[in-house]
């Protein structure tokens, strides 16, 4: 970041904002890793039932987020 933006990188608020955005991006990219890892470990240990319920939970959570995204996107279009 310092090499790409030598002047901006001297501004404390700019660096904080960039780091905050990178943290959010990192969290967003790995949001479902715990579920995926749990599913894989349950399957490898032969615990198919636990893997099934964790998979259902993962699907439900992703669907809720998708529904919220669609709802708010639609409302923003209607209100605009």
Foldseek 3Di string as FASTA:
>chain_A
DCVVPVPQVVDPVSVVVVVVVVVVVVCVVCVCVVLVVVLVVCVVVVNNVVSVVSVVVVVVVVVVVVVVVVVVVVVVVVVD
